[in-house]
Amino acid sequence: MSVTRAAVCLFYDQAARVDEYMELVLLSLRPFVSRFLFVANGALHTEDEARLRLIVDEVIVRENEGFDVGGYRAGLEAIGWEELGAFDELLLFNNTFFAPINPWHSVFEAAAAHSEASFWGLTEAPEVRPHPFAAKRVMPRHIQSHFIAVRSPLLKDPEFRSYWEGMPPIRSYLDSIEHHESRFTEYFESLGHSSYAVYPASAYASENPSILEAGELLDAGCPILKRRIFFHDPSYLDDHGVKGIELISKAVERGYPEDLLLAGVARVAPPRVLLVNAGLVEAVDASTTPWPDERLVLHAIVDSSASLSRLRGLLSALPPETRAVISCREEFVEQVREQSSAFPQCLEIQVEPCFTAVFEGESRQERGRGRFSTMLRLLAQEPEDARSLYIDCGDLGDEDRDSILNDADLLRSALDLFRTRPRLGLLVEVRSATEDEAPLRPLKPERFEAVRNAALSLGITAPLDSRLPLLEPSAPFAIRASFITACAHDPLRDEDAAVNALTIEEEELLIASAVASGGFHMLQVVKPGQGGREFALEQWRHDAARCRPDGHRGGFAQRAAFLRSFIKSAAPGLARVIVPAYRRLKGVFGR
């Protein structure tokens, strides 16, 4: 017997863009749904809306009011309260997860075996004492609202309409949790309706299995993977034993494209947070890989004989079509020109004022443009359809930096990653900080606000790294030129006032977020033996500890959560005994 379903997908994106991962979610559910509504809180780009209309039956774009609750209610009203009862099921879900990691068939079949339930969902949160978000004794057990299916008996119940129409104003994320997500299950169960969770709280050890036990859920056949895992605080996830690296591997093993996953979170995650959580580290070795088909645009800083020597070695190995732009002190101009004449295969050498922190005591105006402004200007001079790769060698005179991107053989291997990863936008090198270096300091609030204002003026919508930046000042990086299409700023005009107000070091904070705004992700390159995919996490731990006066890495609660997760994974039989006892104790003594 076929099931007739309606579906309301609630969507919100700050930049009004619909990434490919969301289209895949909709396409995967389309065979199960007879009437499909897509409700966007806020705006949608015209081309994105056009693509959506090829998948769903109706697209509703509304004011961003009421969070999920407001969007769902708008979808229900569009279907019609009387018409809802004609469907066997109504799906309510949002854009907070990737799917299908596993097929949907298994969960629909599992739910069908529990036909007595008036509503069902995928994951369930356990009862928590005290309530973590409200001044209440208990947050009740509830089906999590990212995916709920409501069946005909409840759809026909007048209380279902009353629930939505009588909802208090939802003005914050916490309001949405208190008045809807944590309330929905208990409210309708109190009216005599029953519920079913495909992955019940009783089967898991944590208070939020969809985040803290995502790997176990995938192994159990769950079709979704929460996006929040990849932009949550890395220290919190590490303390709870959550490894994004392993989750990506599980998804890829099941056929989900890694690049699609990373692009689906790049625009909402601070760049270094994503790099750490996803373990985006790749070891590169010298190889005979051909130079990429893309035209190379090289920028380097020359301020010493040593850097001039490094430049000579690099230029001699680059492809003939490479465009080289050299920043240097006035006294090195002639030497750079002489060196460039020795390499006629480099079609263009421009000597520009140096702008790096190497020349301390000089004003920003005297030092010229920062690397971000210069990069935009240079790439904009390329034809619109050019597939350039921009390589910034940073300070070639830094003898303490054994750089991959300043070594021709290693550079060639690193640039090949842009070919194998279509959504890769930025390659970075980050040195491991040593204990004798000065502690890292976050930007002061007023300076961070200045950087944020500059980002907005440039059309950069992705979050900024506020505490532990991805890119060190003067550190080498390589970038895909096509990212500039996501930047509304005209790079050929005089610098924006907001950008010009930044220090050069502050301006460099914009680079990674500009790439992410276009839906491109980043990758950290290291030499073989320098570290595996957990290298980024180890760096984060080190840097985060140096930012804290006490070097503290987490309290008892975090360590207890990690222990629970480990026991459940390593000894499931023991976990079945320990977890219920733990919950009983927690209910007595609190969290």
Protein backbone atom coordinates (compact mmCIF):
# COMPACT_ATOMS: atom_id res chain seq x y z
CA MET A 1 0.00 0.00 0.00
CA SER A 2 1.48 3.34 -1.10
CA VAL A 3 1.76 6.21 1.35
CA THR A 4 0.76 9.71 0.27
CA ARG A 5 3.08 12.31 1.73
CA ALA A 6 3.38 16.04 1.78
CA ALA A 7 6.66 17.67 2.76
CA VAL A 8 7.65 21.12 3.96
CA CYS A 9 11.38 21.86 3.79
CA LEU A 10 12.40 24.88 5.85
CA PHE A 11 15.46 26.66 4.53
CA TYR A 12 17.58 29.59 5.66
CA ASP A 13 20.91 30.84 4.34
CA GLN A 14 22.43 34.19 5.25
CA ALA A 15 23.69 34.70 1.72
CA ALA A 16 20.43 33.42 0.15
CA ARG A 17 22.32 30.66 -1.69
CA VAL A 18 21.25 27.03 -2.06
CA ASP A 19 24.27 24.75 -2.12
CA GLU A 20 24.36 21.51 -4.07
CA TYR A 21 24.10 19.41 -0.92
CA MET A 22 20.57 20.77 -0.37
CA GLU A 23 19.50 19.85 -3.88
CA LEU A 24 20.70 16.31 -3.18
CA VAL A 25 18.60 16.17 0.02
CA LEU A 26 15.49 17.22 -1.93
CA LEU A 27 16.16 14.85 -4.82
CA SER A 28 16.68 11.92 -2.45
CA LEU A 29 13.31 12.54 -0.75
CA ARG A 30 11.36 13.39 -3.90
CA PRO A 31 10.39 9.73 -4.66
CA PHE A 32 8.69 9.49 -1.25
CA VAL A 33 6.71 12.75 -1.50
CA SER A 34 3.63 13.57 -3.58
CA ARG A 35 3.43 17.29 -2.71
CA PHE A 36 6.68 19.09 -1.96
CA LEU A 37 6.96 22.64 -0.58
CA PHE A 38 10.21 24.54 -0.10
CA VAL A 39 9.97 27.47 2.33
CA ALA A 40 12.85 29.95 2.38
CA ASN A 41 13.14 32.31 5.32
CA GLY A 42 14.64 35.42 3.76
CA ALA A 43 15.70 35.77 0.14
CA LEU A 44 16.80 33.37 -2.61
CA HIS A 45 19.01 34.05 -5.60
CA THR A 46 16.99 33.87 -8.80
CA GLU A 47 19.05 31.09 -10.35
CA ASP A 48 18.85 29.00 -7.17
CA GLU A 49 15.09 29.38 -7.02
CA ALA A 50 14.83 28.31 -10.67
CA ARG A 51 16.78 25.11 -9.93
CA LEU A 52 14.60 24.37 -6.91
CA ARG A 53 11.41 24.62 -8.97
CA LEU A 54 12.68 21.73 -11.09
CA ILE A 55 12.66 19.53 -7.97
CA VAL A 56 9.80 20.68 -5.71
CA ASP A 57 6.21 21.63 -6.43
CA GLU A 58 6.19 25.04 -4.79
CA VAL A 59 8.77 27.54 -3.54
CA ILE A 60 7.70 30.06 -0.90
CA VAL A 61 10.02 32.97 -0.11
CA ARG A 62 9.01 34.85 3.04
CA GLU A 63 10.39 37.31 5.54
CA ASN A 64 12.85 35.77 7.96
CA GLU A 65 10.50 35.79 10.91
CA GLY A 66 9.77 33.12 13.47
CA PHE A 67 12.75 30.87 12.72
CA ASP A 68 11.82 27.27 11.86
CA VAL A 69 8.42 27.58 13.52
CA GLY A 70 7.39 30.53 11.36
CA GLY A 71 8.57 28.80 8.18
CA TYR A 72 6.81 25.52 8.94
CA ARG A 73 3.59 27.33 9.78
CA ALA A 74 3.75 29.20 6.46
CA GLY A 75 4.13 25.87 4.65
CA LEU A 76 1.23 24.29 6.52
CA GLU A 77 -1.00 27.25 5.73
CA ALA A 78 -0.03 27.04 2.06
CA ILE A 79 -1.15 23.41 1.92
CA GLY A 80 -4.30 24.21 3.92
CA TRP A 81 -5.36 22.90 7.32
CA GLU A 82 -8.25 20.89 5.87
CA GLU A 83 -6.18 19.51 2.99
CA LEU A 84 -3.47 18.23 5.37
CA GLY A 85 -5.76 15.47 6.63
CA ALA A 86 -5.91 13.96 3.14
CA PHE A 87 -2.25 12.92 3.39
CA ASP A 88 -1.05 9.83 5.20
CA GLU A 89 2.08 11.67 6.39
CA LEU A 90 3.54 15.13 6.50
CA LEU A 91 7.35 15.53 6.57
CA LEU A 92 8.80 18.57 8.31
CA PHE A 93 12.55 18.98 7.90
CA ASN A 94 15.19 21.70 7.49
CA ASN A 95 18.57 22.29 5.83
CA THR A 96 20.75 21.39 8.82
CA PHE A 97 21.94 18.00 7.55
CA PHE A 98 23.54 16.16 4.64
CA ALA A 99 21.62 13.28 3.07
CA PRO A 100 21.40 10.59 1.95
CA ILE A 101 24.51 9.16 3.59
CA ASN A 102 22.55 5.91 3.88
CA PRO A 103 19.37 5.13 1.88
CA TRP A 104 16.06 6.54 3.11
CA HIS A 105 14.21 3.27 2.47
CA SER A 106 15.32 1.66 5.72
CA VAL A 107 13.94 4.45 7.95
CA PHE A 108 10.63 4.63 6.12
CA GLU A 109 10.30 0.85 6.42
CA ALA A 110 11.17 0.96 10.12
CA ALA A 111 8.58 3.67 10.70
CA ALA A 112 5.94 1.76 8.72
CA ALA A 113 6.35 -1.15 11.15
CA HIS A 114 5.17 1.19 13.93
CA SER A 115 1.88 2.22 12.39
CA GLU A 116 0.38 2.91 15.85
CA ALA A 117 2.50 6.05 16.22
CA SER A 118 0.83 9.37 15.38
CA PHE A 119 4.20 10.91 14.54
CA TRP A 120 7.77 9.74 14.20
CA GLY A 121 11.26 11.07 13.61
CA LEU A 122 14.84 10.05 13.06
CA THR A 123 16.76 10.95 16.21
CA GLU A 124 15.66 11.52 19.77
CA ALA A 125 17.15 13.58 22.58
CA PRO A 126 16.92 12.14 26.11
CA GLU A 127 15.47 13.85 29.15
CA VAL A 128 17.99 16.35 30.55
CA ARG A 129 18.11 17.67 34.11
CA PRO A 130 18.21 20.60 34.57
CA HIS A 131 16.95 22.17 31.36
CA PRO A 132 20.07 23.45 29.52
CA PHE A 133 18.34 26.39 27.84
CA ALA A 134 15.52 27.45 30.14
CA ALA A 135 15.00 27.99 33.85
CA LYS A 136 13.22 24.69 34.25
CA ARG A 137 13.90 21.50 36.11
CA VAL A 138 13.69 19.22 33.10
CA MET A 139 14.01 19.32 29.32
CA PRO A 140 11.79 16.41 28.28
CA ARG A 141 12.72 13.59 25.98
CA HIS A 142 11.83 14.64 22.46
CA ILE A 143 12.17 13.82 18.78
CA GLN A 144 14.61 16.30 17.28
CA SER A 145 12.95 18.76 14.95
CA HIS A 146 15.36 18.54 12.01
CA PHE A 147 13.17 15.67 10.70
CA ILE A 148 9.66 14.85 11.94
CA ALA A 149 6.89 12.93 10.16
CA VAL A 150 3.29 13.59 11.26
CA ARG A 151 0.61 11.02 10.40
CA SER A 152 -3.02 11.43 9.48
CA PRO A 153 -4.57 10.93 12.96
CA LEU A 154 -2.62 13.87 14.30
CA LEU A 155 -3.02 15.94 11.13
CA LYS A 156 -6.80 15.63 11.49
CA ASP A 157 -6.74 16.50 15.19
CA PRO A 158 -7.85 20.15 15.71
CA GLU A 159 -5.13 20.40 18.35
CA PHE A 160 -2.49 20.17 15.63
CA ARG A 161 -3.70 23.43 14.09
CA SER A 162 -4.14 25.01 17.50
CA TYR A 163 -0.53 24.12 18.37
CA TRP A 164 0.83 26.14 15.45
CA GLU A 165 -1.60 29.02 15.59
CA GLY A 166 -1.21 29.41 19.35
CA MET A 167 2.61 29.35 19.27
CA PRO A 168 4.23 32.15 21.28
CA PRO A 169 6.40 34.58 19.28
CA ILE A 170 9.69 32.95 18.28
CA ARG A 171 12.40 35.61 18.42
CA SER A 172 15.51 33.49 19.00
CA TYR A 173 17.03 30.06 18.55
CA LEU A 174 16.39 29.34 22.23
CA ASP A 175 12.73 30.31 21.83
CA SER A 176 12.47 27.78 19.02
CA ILE A 177 13.92 25.03 21.22
CA GLU A 178 11.77 25.85 24.25
CA HIS A 179 8.45 26.45 22.50
CA HIS A 180 8.73 23.90 19.69
CA GLU A 181 11.55 21.38 19.46
CA SER A 182 11.64 20.28 23.11
CA ARG A 183 7.85 20.73 23.51
CA PHE A 184 6.32 19.06 20.43
CA THR A 185 6.71 15.44 21.53
CA GLU A 186 5.59 15.86 25.14
CA TYR A 187 2.67 18.10 24.18
CA PHE A 188 1.05 15.71 21.74
CA GLU A 189 1.83 12.64 23.82
CA SER A 190 -0.02 14.31 26.69
CA LEU A 191 -3.06 14.50 24.36
CA GLY A 192 -3.00 10.76 23.80
CA HIS A 193 -0.87 10.56 20.65
CA SER A 194 2.12 8.24 20.50
CA SER A 195 5.53 8.75 18.90
CA TYR A 196 8.32 6.63 17.48
CA ALA A 197 12.00 7.41 16.98
CA VAL A 198 13.93 5.27 14.52
CA TYR A 199 17.06 5.96 16.58
CA PRO A 200 15.79 6.34 20.16
CA ALA A 201 17.67 8.11 22.94
CA SER A 202 17.77 4.90 24.97
CA ALA A 203 20.14 3.35 22.44
CA TYR A 204 22.77 6.07 22.84
CA ALA A 205 24.90 7.42 25.65
CA SER A 206 24.98 11.16 25.04
CA GLU A 207 22.51 14.01 25.39
CA ASN A 208 22.70 14.80 21.69
CA PRO A 209 23.42 11.66 19.66
CA SER A 210 22.96 13.44 16.31
CA ILE A 211 26.17 15.38 17.06
CA LEU A 212 28.08 13.43 19.69
CA GLU A 213 27.38 9.93 18.35
CA ALA A 214 27.02 10.67 14.66
CA GLY A 215 29.33 7.80 13.71
CA GLU A 216 27.22 5.27 15.58
CA LEU A 217 24.11 6.63 13.89
CA LEU A 218 25.64 6.24 10.45
CA ASP A 219 26.69 2.68 11.29
CA ALA A 220 23.10 1.98 12.34
CA GLY A 221 21.83 3.13 8.93
CA CYS A 222 20.84 6.72 9.66
CA PRO A 223 20.59 8.62 6.35
CA ILE A 224 21.59 12.05 7.70
CA LEU A 225 24.75 13.72 9.00
CA LYS A 226 24.38 17.02 10.83
CA ARG A 227 26.25 19.97 9.30
CA ARG A 228 26.88 21.51 12.73
CA ILE A 229 29.55 18.92 13.42
CA PHE A 230 31.84 20.73 11.01
CA PHE A 231 31.44 24.25 12.37
CA HIS A 232 31.10 23.46 16.09
CA ASP A 233 33.93 24.34 18.46
CA PRO A 234 36.80 21.89 17.76
CA SER A 235 37.83 21.70 21.41
CA TYR A 236 34.29 20.72 22.45
CA LEU A 237 34.10 18.02 19.77
CA ASP A 238 37.54 16.73 20.65
CA ASP A 239 36.67 16.56 24.34
CA HIS A 240 33.60 14.49 23.43
CA GLY A 241 35.49 12.14 21.12
CA VAL A 242 33.83 13.39 17.92
CA LYS A 243 36.14 13.13 14.91
CA GLY A 244 34.96 14.79 11.73
CA ILE A 245 37.69 12.98 9.81
CA GLU A 246 36.11 9.63 10.61
CA LEU A 247 32.62 10.87 9.78
CA ILE A 248 33.73 12.09 6.37
CA SER A 249 35.38 8.71 5.74
CA LYS A 250 32.16 6.93 6.66
CA ALA A 251 30.19 9.18 4.31
CA VAL A 252 32.64 8.68 1.45
CA GLU A 253 32.60 4.91 1.99
CA ARG A 254 28.85 5.04 1.47
CA GLY A 255 29.19 6.98 -1.76
CA TYR A 256 28.67 10.56 -0.56
CA PRO A 257 31.09 12.97 -2.33
CA GLU A 258 33.60 14.57 0.02
CA ASP A 259 33.83 17.78 -2.00
CA LEU A 260 30.04 18.14 -1.93
CA LEU A 261 30.02 17.78 1.84
CA LEU A 262 32.81 20.30 2.35
CA ALA A 263 31.28 22.82 -0.05
CA GLY A 264 28.00 22.44 1.86
CA VAL A 265 29.54 23.76 5.05
CA ALA A 266 32.30 26.07 3.77
CA ARG A 267 30.13 29.20 3.73
CA VAL A 268 28.91 28.79 7.33
CA ALA A 269 32.07 27.69 9.13
CA PRO A 270 35.01 29.84 10.20
CA PRO A 271 37.79 28.61 7.88
CA ARG A 272 40.17 27.21 10.46
CA VAL A 273 37.32 25.60 12.40
CA LEU A 274 36.31 23.68 9.29
CA LEU A 275 39.90 22.74 8.52
CA VAL A 276 40.34 21.33 12.02
CA ASN A 277 36.98 19.57 12.31
CA ALA A 278 37.22 17.98 8.86
CA GLY A 279 40.93 17.13 9.17
CA LEU A 280 41.71 18.93 5.91
CA VAL A 281 45.40 18.11 5.81
CA GLU A 282 47.14 16.57 2.83
CA ALA A 283 50.75 15.39 2.67
CA VAL A 284 52.55 16.27 -0.56
CA ASP A 285 55.85 14.96 -1.86
CA ALA A 286 58.01 15.84 -4.82
CA SER A 287 56.49 14.34 -7.95
CA THR A 288 56.70 14.38 -11.71
CA THR A 289 53.08 15.47 -11.96
CA PRO A 290 52.68 17.88 -14.88
CA TRP A 291 52.04 21.52 -14.13
CA PRO A 292 48.29 22.24 -14.06
CA ASP A 293 46.49 23.46 -17.18
CA GLU A 294 45.44 26.60 -15.32
CA ARG A 295 47.57 29.70 -15.83
CA LEU A 296 49.74 30.46 -12.82
CA VAL A 297 49.95 33.92 -11.28
CA LEU A 298 52.88 34.11 -8.88
CA HIS A 299 53.53 36.76 -6.25
CA ALA A 300 56.65 36.87 -4.12
CA ILE A 301 58.31 39.26 -1.70
CA VAL A 302 62.03 39.96 -2.17
CA ASP A 303 63.90 41.88 0.50
CA SER A 304 67.28 40.15 0.73
CA SER A 305 69.90 38.29 -1.26
CA ALA A 306 68.60 35.03 0.16
CA SER A 307 65.08 35.71 -1.08
CA LEU A 308 66.45 36.73 -4.46
CA SER A 309 68.26 33.41 -4.67
CA ARG A 310 65.07 31.51 -3.81
CA LEU A 311 63.19 33.49 -6.43
CA ARG A 312 65.79 32.56 -9.05
CA GLY A 313 65.36 28.86 -8.33
CA LEU A 314 61.59 29.08 -8.41
CA LEU A 315 61.35 31.07 -11.64
CA SER A 316 63.64 28.65 -13.44
CA ALA A 317 61.17 25.80 -12.88
CA LEU A 318 57.85 27.51 -13.56
CA PRO A 319 55.88 27.03 -16.81
CA PRO A 320 56.48 29.60 -19.60
CA GLU A 321 53.00 31.13 -19.28
CA THR A 322 53.45 32.05 -15.63
CA ARG A 323 52.87 35.67 -14.72
CA ALA A 324 55.21 36.77 -11.96
CA VAL A 325 54.67 39.81 -9.77
CA ILE A 326 57.46 40.73 -7.39
CA SER A 327 57.22 43.06 -4.40
CA CYS A 328 60.52 44.43 -3.21
CA ARG A 329 62.40 47.28 -1.59
CA GLU A 330 63.60 50.04 -3.87
CA GLU A 331 67.22 48.91 -3.57
CA PHE A 332 66.33 45.49 -5.00
CA VAL A 333 64.43 46.73 -8.04
CA GLU A 334 67.36 46.57 -10.42
CA GLN A 335 68.48 43.17 -9.17
CA VAL A 336 64.97 41.79 -9.65
CA ARG A 337 64.87 43.19 -13.18
CA GLU A 338 68.20 41.60 -13.95
CA GLN A 339 67.05 38.27 -12.61
CA SER A 340 63.80 38.42 -14.54
CA SER A 341 65.64 39.02 -17.80
CA ALA A 342 67.36 35.68 -17.28
CA PHE A 343 64.03 33.92 -17.46
CA PRO A 344 62.25 35.09 -20.59
CA GLN A 345 59.69 32.33 -20.22
CA CYS A 346 58.08 34.44 -17.50
CA LEU A 347 56.06 36.73 -19.69
CA GLU A 348 55.57 39.53 -17.23
CA ILE A 349 57.48 40.76 -14.23
CA GLN A 350 56.03 43.72 -12.36
CA VAL A 351 57.93 45.39 -9.58
CA GLU A 352 55.62 46.90 -7.00
CA PRO A 353 56.04 48.50 -3.59
CA CYS A 354 56.33 45.94 -0.86
CA PHE A 355 53.53 45.85 1.64
CA THR A 356 54.58 43.29 4.21
CA ALA A 357 55.29 43.61 7.86
CA VAL A 358 58.97 43.09 7.04
CA PHE A 359 59.32 46.84 6.79
CA GLU A 360 58.35 47.86 10.25
CA GLY A 361 57.80 51.51 10.97
CA GLU A 362 56.36 52.33 7.58
CA SER A 363 52.73 53.34 7.22
CA ARG A 364 50.24 51.24 5.30
CA GLN A 365 50.12 53.87 2.54
CA GLU A 366 53.89 53.76 2.18
CA ARG A 367 53.87 49.98 2.05
CA GLY A 368 51.11 49.87 -0.57
CA ARG A 369 48.31 47.36 -0.87
CA GLY A 370 47.89 44.28 1.25
CA ARG A 371 48.05 40.85 -0.30
CA PHE A 372 44.30 40.45 -0.51
CA SER A 373 43.77 43.68 -2.43
CA THR A 374 46.72 42.94 -4.70
CA MET A 375 45.48 39.42 -5.38
CA LEU A 376 42.01 40.61 -6.35
CA ARG A 377 43.44 43.25 -8.66
CA LEU A 378 45.82 40.85 -10.39
CA LEU A 379 43.25 38.12 -10.90
CA ALA A 380 40.68 40.58 -12.19
CA GLN A 381 43.09 41.47 -14.98
CA GLU A 382 42.84 37.92 -16.27
CA PRO A 383 40.07 37.08 -18.79
CA GLU A 384 36.76 36.30 -17.10
CA ASP A 385 36.89 32.68 -18.20
CA ALA A 386 40.51 32.20 -17.12
CA ARG A 387 41.17 29.33 -14.76
CA SER A 388 44.12 30.92 -13.01
CA LEU A 389 45.75 29.69 -9.86
CA TYR A 390 47.28 32.43 -7.74
CA ILE A 391 50.36 31.47 -5.72
CA ASP A 392 51.60 33.84 -3.05
CA CYS A 393 55.04 32.79 -1.85
CA GLY A 394 54.93 35.21 1.04
CA ASP A 395 58.28 36.35 2.35
CA LEU A 396 60.93 34.48 0.39
CA GLY A 397 63.57 35.81 2.75
CA ASP A 398 62.17 34.00 5.77
CA GLU A 399 64.93 31.45 6.27
CA ASP A 400 63.07 29.85 9.16
CA ARG A 401 60.23 28.79 6.91
CA ASP A 402 60.88 25.63 4.90
CA SER A 403 57.98 26.18 2.57
CA ILE A 404 56.26 23.65 0.35
CA LEU A 405 54.90 26.36 -1.94
CA ASN A 406 58.36 27.85 -2.46
CA ASP A 407 59.78 24.53 -3.67
CA ALA A 408 59.06 23.92 -7.37
CA ASP A 409 58.74 20.12 -7.11
CA LEU A 410 56.55 20.24 -4.03
CA LEU A 411 54.54 23.15 -5.45
CA ARG A 412 53.72 21.16 -8.58
CA SER A 413 52.41 18.28 -6.50
CA ALA A 414 50.42 20.62 -4.26
CA LEU A 415 48.77 22.41 -7.19
CA ASP A 416 47.60 19.06 -8.58
CA LEU A 417 45.17 18.97 -5.64
CA PHE A 418 43.13 21.66 -7.37
CA ARG A 419 42.59 19.20 -10.24
CA THR A 420 41.50 16.29 -8.04
CA ARG A 421 39.29 18.45 -5.79
CA PRO A 422 36.94 20.63 -7.88
CA ARG A 423 35.67 22.61 -4.85
CA LEU A 424 39.11 23.25 -3.37
CA GLY A 425 39.67 26.99 -3.23
CA LEU A 426 42.65 27.58 -0.96
CA LEU A 427 45.89 25.77 -0.08
CA VAL A 428 47.67 26.96 3.04
CA GLU A 429 50.71 26.18 5.09
CA VAL A 430 50.58 26.75 8.79
CA ARG A 431 53.68 26.36 10.84
CA SER A 432 53.53 24.56 14.13
CA ALA A 433 53.96 27.17 16.80
CA THR A 434 56.80 26.65 19.23
CA GLU A 435 56.60 27.18 22.93
CA ASP A 436 58.99 30.13 22.90
CA GLU A 437 56.84 32.13 20.49
CA ALA A 438 54.65 34.91 21.82
CA PRO A 439 51.18 33.67 22.84
CA LEU A 440 48.42 34.12 20.31
CA ARG A 441 46.06 36.96 21.02
CA PRO A 442 42.56 37.29 19.58
CA LEU A 443 41.70 40.58 17.92
CA LYS A 444 40.21 43.18 20.21
CA PRO A 445 36.43 43.50 19.69
CA GLU A 446 36.70 46.87 17.98
CA ARG A 447 39.37 45.59 15.55
CA PHE A 448 37.40 42.44 14.79
CA GLU A 449 34.36 44.61 14.07
CA ALA A 450 36.49 46.66 11.66
CA VAL A 451 37.50 43.47 9.84
CA ARG A 452 33.88 42.33 9.75
CA ASN A 453 32.78 45.67 8.24
CA ALA A 454 35.47 45.38 5.58
CA ALA A 455 34.30 41.86 4.76
CA LEU A 456 30.73 43.05 4.28
CA SER A 457 31.86 45.87 2.01
CA LEU A 458 33.66 43.30 -0.14
CA GLY A 459 30.66 40.98 -0.36
CA ILE A 460 32.25 38.38 1.94
CA THR A 461 29.49 36.59 3.87
CA ALA A 462 31.33 33.56 5.29
CA PRO A 463 32.34 33.75 8.99
CA LEU A 464 35.74 35.07 9.95
CA ASP A 465 38.27 33.32 12.13
CA SER A 466 38.03 35.50 15.22
CA ARG A 467 40.38 33.71 17.59
CA LEU A 468 42.79 31.36 15.82
CA PRO A 469 43.27 32.50 12.21
CA LEU A 470 43.91 30.03 9.43
CA LEU A 471 46.49 32.08 7.60
CA GLU A 472 49.56 33.54 9.29
CA PRO A 473 50.87 36.93 8.13
CA SER A 474 53.23 36.51 5.17
CA ALA A 475 52.60 32.75 5.08
CA PRO A 476 52.53 31.17 1.58
CA PHE A 477 49.22 30.14 0.04
CA ALA A 478 47.70 29.13 -3.31
CA ILE A 479 44.20 30.08 -4.37
CA ARG A 480 41.74 29.31 -7.17
CA ALA A 481 41.02 32.46 -9.15
CA SER A 482 37.35 31.73 -9.73
CA PHE A 483 36.58 32.60 -6.11
CA ILE A 484 36.55 36.30 -7.06
CA THR A 485 33.18 35.82 -8.75
CA ALA A 486 31.68 35.59 -5.27
CA CYS A 487 33.17 38.93 -4.27
CA ALA A 488 31.04 41.97 -5.05
CA HIS A 489 33.98 44.33 -4.64
CA ASP A 490 35.51 45.86 -7.78
CA PRO A 491 39.18 45.03 -7.29
CA LEU A 492 40.34 47.53 -9.92
CA ARG A 493 39.03 50.62 -8.16
CA ASP A 494 40.74 52.33 -5.30
CA GLU A 495 40.60 50.31 -2.13
CA ASP A 496 37.39 50.46 -0.18
CA ALA A 497 37.61 52.78 2.80
CA ALA A 498 36.68 49.96 5.16
CA VAL A 499 39.50 47.81 3.81
CA ASN A 500 42.01 50.65 3.83
CA ALA A 501 41.30 51.15 7.54
CA LEU A 502 42.72 47.70 8.31
CA THR A 503 46.28 46.79 9.07
CA ILE A 504 47.85 44.49 6.52
CA GLU A 505 47.72 41.63 9.01
CA GLU A 506 43.99 42.24 9.56
CA GLU A 507 43.35 42.36 5.83
CA GLU A 508 44.87 38.91 5.45
CA LEU A 509 42.10 37.55 7.69
CA LEU A 510 39.74 38.18 4.76
CA ILE A 511 41.45 35.77 2.36
CA ALA A 512 40.10 32.45 3.63
CA SER A 513 36.60 33.79 4.26
CA ALA A 514 36.45 35.29 0.75
CA VAL A 515 37.15 31.85 -0.69
CA ALA A 516 34.58 30.22 1.59
CA SER A 517 31.93 32.75 0.51
CA GLY A 518 32.05 31.20 -2.95
CA GLY A 519 31.43 27.72 -1.54
CA PHE A 520 35.05 26.63 -1.84
CA HIS A 521 36.86 24.84 0.96
CA MET A 522 40.48 24.96 2.01
CA LEU A 523 43.26 22.44 2.58
CA GLN A 524 46.43 22.46 4.62
CA VAL A 525 49.48 20.91 2.97
CA VAL A 526 52.33 19.30 4.87
CA LYS A 527 55.32 17.20 3.96
CA PRO A 528 55.19 13.41 4.41
CA GLY A 529 55.99 12.54 8.00
CA GLN A 530 55.13 16.03 9.21
CA GLY A 531 51.68 14.91 10.28
CA GLY A 532 48.55 13.06 9.24
CA ARG A 533 44.98 14.33 9.01
CA GLU A 534 44.97 15.07 12.76
CA PHE A 535 47.82 17.54 12.34
CA ALA A 536 45.39 20.46 12.21
CA LEU A 537 43.72 19.36 15.46
CA GLU A 538 47.06 19.09 17.22
CA GLN A 539 47.89 22.62 16.10
CA TRP A 540 44.51 23.83 17.32
CA ARG A 541 45.03 22.22 20.72
CA HIS A 542 48.44 23.84 21.02
CA ASP A 543 47.33 27.29 19.91
CA ALA A 544 44.13 27.20 21.98
CA ALA A 545 46.07 26.26 25.09
CA ARG A 546 48.46 29.17 24.50
CA CYS A 547 45.47 31.50 24.27
CA ARG A 548 44.20 30.38 27.68
CA PRO A 549 45.97 31.59 30.78
CA ASP A 550 45.66 28.24 32.51
CA GLY A 551 46.04 25.95 29.50
CA HIS A 552 42.88 24.14 30.60
CA ARG A 553 41.38 21.75 28.01
CA GLY A 554 37.98 20.94 29.40
CA GLY A 555 36.23 19.96 32.53
CA PHE A 556 34.93 16.78 34.06
CA ALA A 557 31.72 16.82 32.05
CA GLN A 558 33.60 16.83 28.77
CA ARG A 559 35.93 14.07 29.83
CA ALA A 560 33.02 12.01 31.11
CA ALA A 561 31.24 12.41 27.78
CA PHE A 562 34.35 11.25 25.94
CA LEU A 563 34.61 8.21 28.24
CA ARG A 564 30.96 7.30 27.61
CA SER A 565 31.47 7.55 23.87
CA PHE A 566 34.62 5.42 24.03
CA ILE A 567 32.99 2.70 26.14
CA LYS A 568 29.98 2.56 23.82
CA SER A 569 32.25 2.11 20.82
CA ALA A 570 34.75 -0.30 22.37
CA ALA A 571 32.44 -2.31 24.61
CA PRO A 572 28.77 -2.07 23.59
CA GLY A 573 27.71 -4.74 26.09
CA LEU A 574 29.25 -2.84 28.98
CA ALA A 575 27.68 0.40 27.70
CA ARG A 576 24.19 -1.14 27.89
CA VAL A 577 24.74 -1.58 31.60
CA ILE A 578 26.59 1.64 32.40
CA VAL A 579 24.57 4.17 30.41
CA PRO A 580 21.21 3.63 32.16
CA ALA A 581 22.94 3.80 35.53
CA TYR A 582 24.71 7.00 34.52
CA ARG A 583 21.43 8.60 33.50
CA ARG A 584 19.79 7.68 36.78
CA LEU A 585 22.66 9.23 38.72
CA LYS A 586 22.61 12.34 36.54
CA GLY A 587 18.90 12.72 37.21
CA VAL A 588 19.60 12.72 40.94
CA PHE A 589 22.72 14.90 41.05
CA GLY A 590 22.16 17.11 37.97
CA ARG A 591 24.36 17.59 34.98
